[in-house]
C-alpha atoms as a PDB file:
ATOM      1  CA  UNK A   1     -42.521  12.888 -14.886  1.00  0.00           C
ATOM      2  CA  UNK A   2     -39.614  14.408 -13.026  1.00  0.00           C
ATOM      3  CA  UNK A   3     -37.097  15.723 -15.564  1.00  0.00           C
ATOM      4  CA  UNK A   4     -33.468  15.733 -14.522  1.00  0.00           C
ATOM      5  CA  UNK A   5     -33.273  19.471 -15.263  1.00  0.00           C
ATOM      6  CA  UNK A   6     -35.407  20.419 -12.248  1.00  0.00           C
ATOM      7  CA  UNK A   7     -32.924  18.781  -9.888  1.00  0.00           C
ATOM      8  CA  UNK A   8     -30.347  21.407 -10.905  1.00  0.00           C
ATOM      9  CA  UNK A   9     -32.223  23.740  -8.549  1.00  0.00           C
ATOM     10  CA  UNK A  10     -31.602  21.585  -5.454  1.00  0.00           C
ATOM     11  CA  UNK A  11     -27.887  20.893  -5.003  1.00  0.00           C
ATOM     12  CA  UNK A  12     -26.554  19.293  -1.845  1.00  0.00           C
ATOM     13  CA  UNK A  13     -24.818  22.315  -0.335  1.00  0.00           C
ATOM     14  CA  UNK A  14     -22.350  22.617   2.523  1.00  0.00           C
ATOM     15  CA  UNK A  15     -24.845  24.860   4.304  1.00  0.00           C
ATOM     16  CA  UNK A  16     -27.571  22.207   4.077  1.00  0.00           C
ATOM     17  CA  UNK A  17     -25.193  19.566   5.452  1.00  0.00           C
ATOM     18  CA  UNK A  18     -24.296  21.923   8.337  1.00  0.00           C
ATOM     19  CA  UNK A  19     -28.008  22.302   9.100  1.00  0.00           C
ATOM     20  CA  UNK A  20     -28.336  18.524   9.171  1.00  0.00           C
ATOM     21  CA  UNK A  21     -25.374  18.450  11.556  1.00  0.00           C
ATOM     22  CA  UNK A  22     -27.253  20.734  13.935  1.00  0.00           C
ATOM     23  CA  UNK A  23     -29.979  18.061  14.024  1.00  0.00           C
ATOM     24  CA  UNK A  24     -27.602  15.161  14.835  1.00  0.00           C
ATOM     25  CA  UNK A  25     -29.710  14.121  17.804  1.00  0.00           C
ATOM     26  CA  UNK A  26     -32.183  12.751  15.238  1.00  0.00           C
ATOM     27  CA  UNK A  27     -30.859   9.462  13.801  1.00  0.00           C
ATOM     28  CA  UNK A  28     -32.048  10.175  10.235  1.00  0.00           C
ATOM     29  CA  UNK A  29     -30.447  13.631  10.222  1.00  0.00           C
ATOM     30  CA  UNK A  30     -27.234  12.141  11.574  1.00  0.00           C
ATOM     31  CA  UNK A  31     -27.138   9.439   8.895  1.00  0.00           C
ATOM     32  CA  UNK A  32     -28.113  11.780   6.033  1.00  0.00           C
ATOM     33  CA  UNK A  33     -25.608  14.395   7.199  1.00  0.00           C
ATOM     34  CA  UNK A  34     -22.759  11.888   7.314  1.00  0.00           C
ATOM     35  CA  UNK A  35     -23.617  10.536   3.863  1.00  0.00           C
ATOM     36  CA  UNK A  36     -24.043  13.925   2.206  1.00  0.00           C
ATOM     37  CA  UNK A  37     -20.870  15.262   3.847  1.00  0.00           C
ATOM     38  CA  UNK A  38     -18.991  12.816   1.617  1.00  0.00           C
ATOM     39  CA  UNK A  39     -20.165  14.569  -1.558  1.00  0.00           C
ATOM     40  CA  UNK A  40     -20.103  18.289  -0.724  1.00  0.00           C
ATOM     41  CA  UNK A  41     -16.769  18.703  -2.539  1.00  0.00           C
ATOM     42  CA  UNK A  42     -18.398  17.846  -5.866  1.00  0.00           C
ATOM     43  CA  UNK A  43     -21.554  18.684  -7.780  1.00  0.00           C
ATOM     44  CA  UNK A  44     -24.238  16.518  -6.208  1.00  0.00           C
ATOM     45  CA  UNK A  45     -27.983  17.026  -6.293  1.00  0.00           C
ATOM     46  CA  UNK A  46     -31.112  15.715  -4.568  1.00  0.00           C
ATOM     47  CA  UNK A  47     -32.138  13.684  -7.619  1.00  0.00           C
ATOM     48  CA  UNK A  48     -34.318  10.927  -6.155  1.00  0.00           C
ATOM     49  CA  UNK A  49     -35.101  12.910  -3.017  1.00  0.00           C
ATOM     50  CA  UNK A  50     -36.667  15.700  -5.084  1.00  0.00           C
ATOM     51  CA  UNK A  51     -38.734  13.204  -7.035  1.00  0.00           C
ATOM     52  CA  UNK A  52     -40.135  11.528  -3.931  1.00  0.00           C
ATOM     53  CA  UNK A  53     -40.681  14.869  -2.156  1.00  0.00           C
ATOM     54  CA  UNK A  54     -43.395  15.540  -4.720  1.00  0.00           C
ATOM     55  CA  UNK A  55     -45.425  12.696  -3.196  1.00  0.00           C
ATOM     56  CA  UNK A  56     -45.392  14.299   0.241  1.00  0.00           C
ATOM     57  CA  UNK A  57     -45.526  17.971  -0.750  1.00  0.00           C
ATOM     58  CA  UNK A  58     -46.879  18.503  -4.263  1.00  0.00           C
ATOM     59  CA  UNK A  59     -47.621  22.101  -3.253  1.00  0.00           C
ATOM     60  CA  UNK A  60     -43.877  22.845  -3.492  1.00  0.00           C
ATOM     61  CA  UNK A  61     -43.943  22.231  -7.227  1.00  0.00           C
ATOM     62  CA  UNK A  62     -45.340  23.651 -10.413  1.00  0.00           C
ATOM     63  CA  UNK A  63     -46.087  21.241 -13.223  1.00  0.00           C
ATOM     64  CA  UNK A  64     -46.253  21.727 -16.952  1.00  0.00           C
ATOM     65  CA  UNK A  65     -47.758  19.734 -19.800  1.00  0.00           C
ATOM     66  CA  UNK A  66     -45.492  18.814 -22.686  1.00  0.00           C
ATOM     67  CA  UNK A  67     -45.998  16.850 -25.873  1.00  0.00           C
ATOM     68  CA  UNK A  68     -43.262  14.234 -26.017  1.00  0.00           C
ATOM     69  CA  UNK A  69     -41.877  11.311 -27.960  1.00  0.00           C
ATOM     70  CA  UNK A  70     -39.502   8.564 -26.895  1.00  0.00           C
ATOM     71  CA  UNK A  71     -36.487   8.004 -29.124  1.00  0.00           C
ATOM     72  CA  UNK A  72     -36.368   4.273 -29.845  1.00  0.00           C
ATOM     73  CA  UNK A  73     -33.145   3.897 -31.852  1.00  0.00           C
ATOM     74  CA  UNK A  74     -29.568   5.111 -31.990  1.00  0.00           C
ATOM     75  CA  UNK A  75     -27.326   6.657 -29.370  1.00  0.00           C
ATOM     76  CA  UNK A  76     -30.231   8.610 -27.816  1.00  0.00           C
ATOM     77  CA  UNK A  77     -32.402   5.506 -27.441  1.00  0.00           C
ATOM     78  CA  UNK A  78     -34.678   5.864 -24.419  1.00  0.00           C
ATOM     79  CA  UNK A  79     -34.520   9.657 -24.328  1.00  0.00           C
ATOM     80  CA  UNK A  80     -37.761  11.577 -23.830  1.00  0.00           C
ATOM     81  CA  UNK A  81     -37.901  14.488 -26.253  1.00  0.00           C
ATOM     82  CA  UNK A  82     -40.320  17.407 -26.301  1.00  0.00           C
ATOM     83  CA  UNK A  83     -41.973  17.391 -29.708  1.00  0.00           C
ATOM     84  CA  UNK A  84     -45.220  18.964 -30.908  1.00  0.00           C
ATOM     85  CA  UNK A  85     -47.834  16.343 -31.703  1.00  0.00           C
ATOM     86  CA  UNK A  86     -46.302  13.777 -29.332  1.00  0.00           C
ATOM     87  CA  UNK A  87     -47.898  12.148 -26.326  1.00  0.00           C
ATOM     88  CA  UNK A  88     -48.941  14.681 -23.682  1.00  0.00           C
ATOM     89  CA  UNK A  89     -47.296  14.232 -20.278  1.00  0.00           C
ATOM     90  CA  UNK A  90     -47.361  16.276 -17.104  1.00  0.00           C
ATOM     91  CA  UNK A  91     -43.921  16.928 -15.645  1.00  0.00           C
ATOM     92  CA  UNK A  92     -42.449  18.817 -12.729  1.00  0.00           C
ATOM     93  CA  UNK A  93     -41.317  22.208 -13.983  1.00  0.00           C
ATOM     94  CA  UNK A  94     -40.413  24.356 -10.964  1.00  0.00           C
ATOM     95  CA  UNK A  95     -39.706  23.798  -7.282  1.00  0.00           C
ATOM     96  CA  UNK A  96     -39.776  26.198  -4.346  1.00  0.00           C
ATOM     97  CA  UNK A  97     -36.153  25.560  -3.413  1.00  0.00           C
ATOM     98  CA  UNK A  98     -36.198  27.155   0.043  1.00  0.00           C
ATOM     99  CA  UNK A  99     -39.357  25.288   1.032  1.00  0.00           C
ATOM    100  CA  UNK A 100     -37.929  22.043  -0.370  1.00  0.00           C
ATOM    101  CA  UNK A 101     -34.841  22.314   1.865  1.00  0.00           C
ATOM    102  CA  UNK A 102     -37.013  23.171   4.863  1.00  0.00           C
ATOM    103  CA  UNK A 103     -39.258  20.190   4.174  1.00  0.00           C
ATOM    104  CA  UNK A 104     -36.304  17.813   3.946  1.00  0.00           C
ATOM    105  CA  UNK A 105     -34.795  19.079   7.193  1.00  0.00           C
ATOM    106  CA  UNK A 106     -38.152  18.558   8.891  1.00  0.00           C
ATOM    107  CA  UNK A 107     -38.510  15.044   7.454  1.00  0.00           C
ATOM    108  CA  UNK A 108     -35.070  14.031   8.722  1.00  0.00           C
ATOM    109  CA  UNK A 109     -35.702  15.541  12.174  1.00  0.00           C
ATOM    110  CA  UNK A 110     -38.030  12.753  13.248  1.00  0.00           C
END
């Protein structure tokens, strides 16, 4: 699993968008830079990008096993909750932030 909490460590920053701008000659960097430039004035994170980066570079992450349950009723329906005795899952726990940004810049410089 990729908990939402881990994405708090990889915000879309103005500095990252400037680095993408320096790579404008690469079409993917140009497109990503233009899109992310639209959100630098607000809190925005690499939610899905972080999740998929694990597929290409699992070495950037530390995982952790948790015992969990899924809440099936009420206002929290669908929430995954850490609870002793629940089903064991492996989830992303930490990310090497600097290496993550470097990896993404490299991916978009193709």
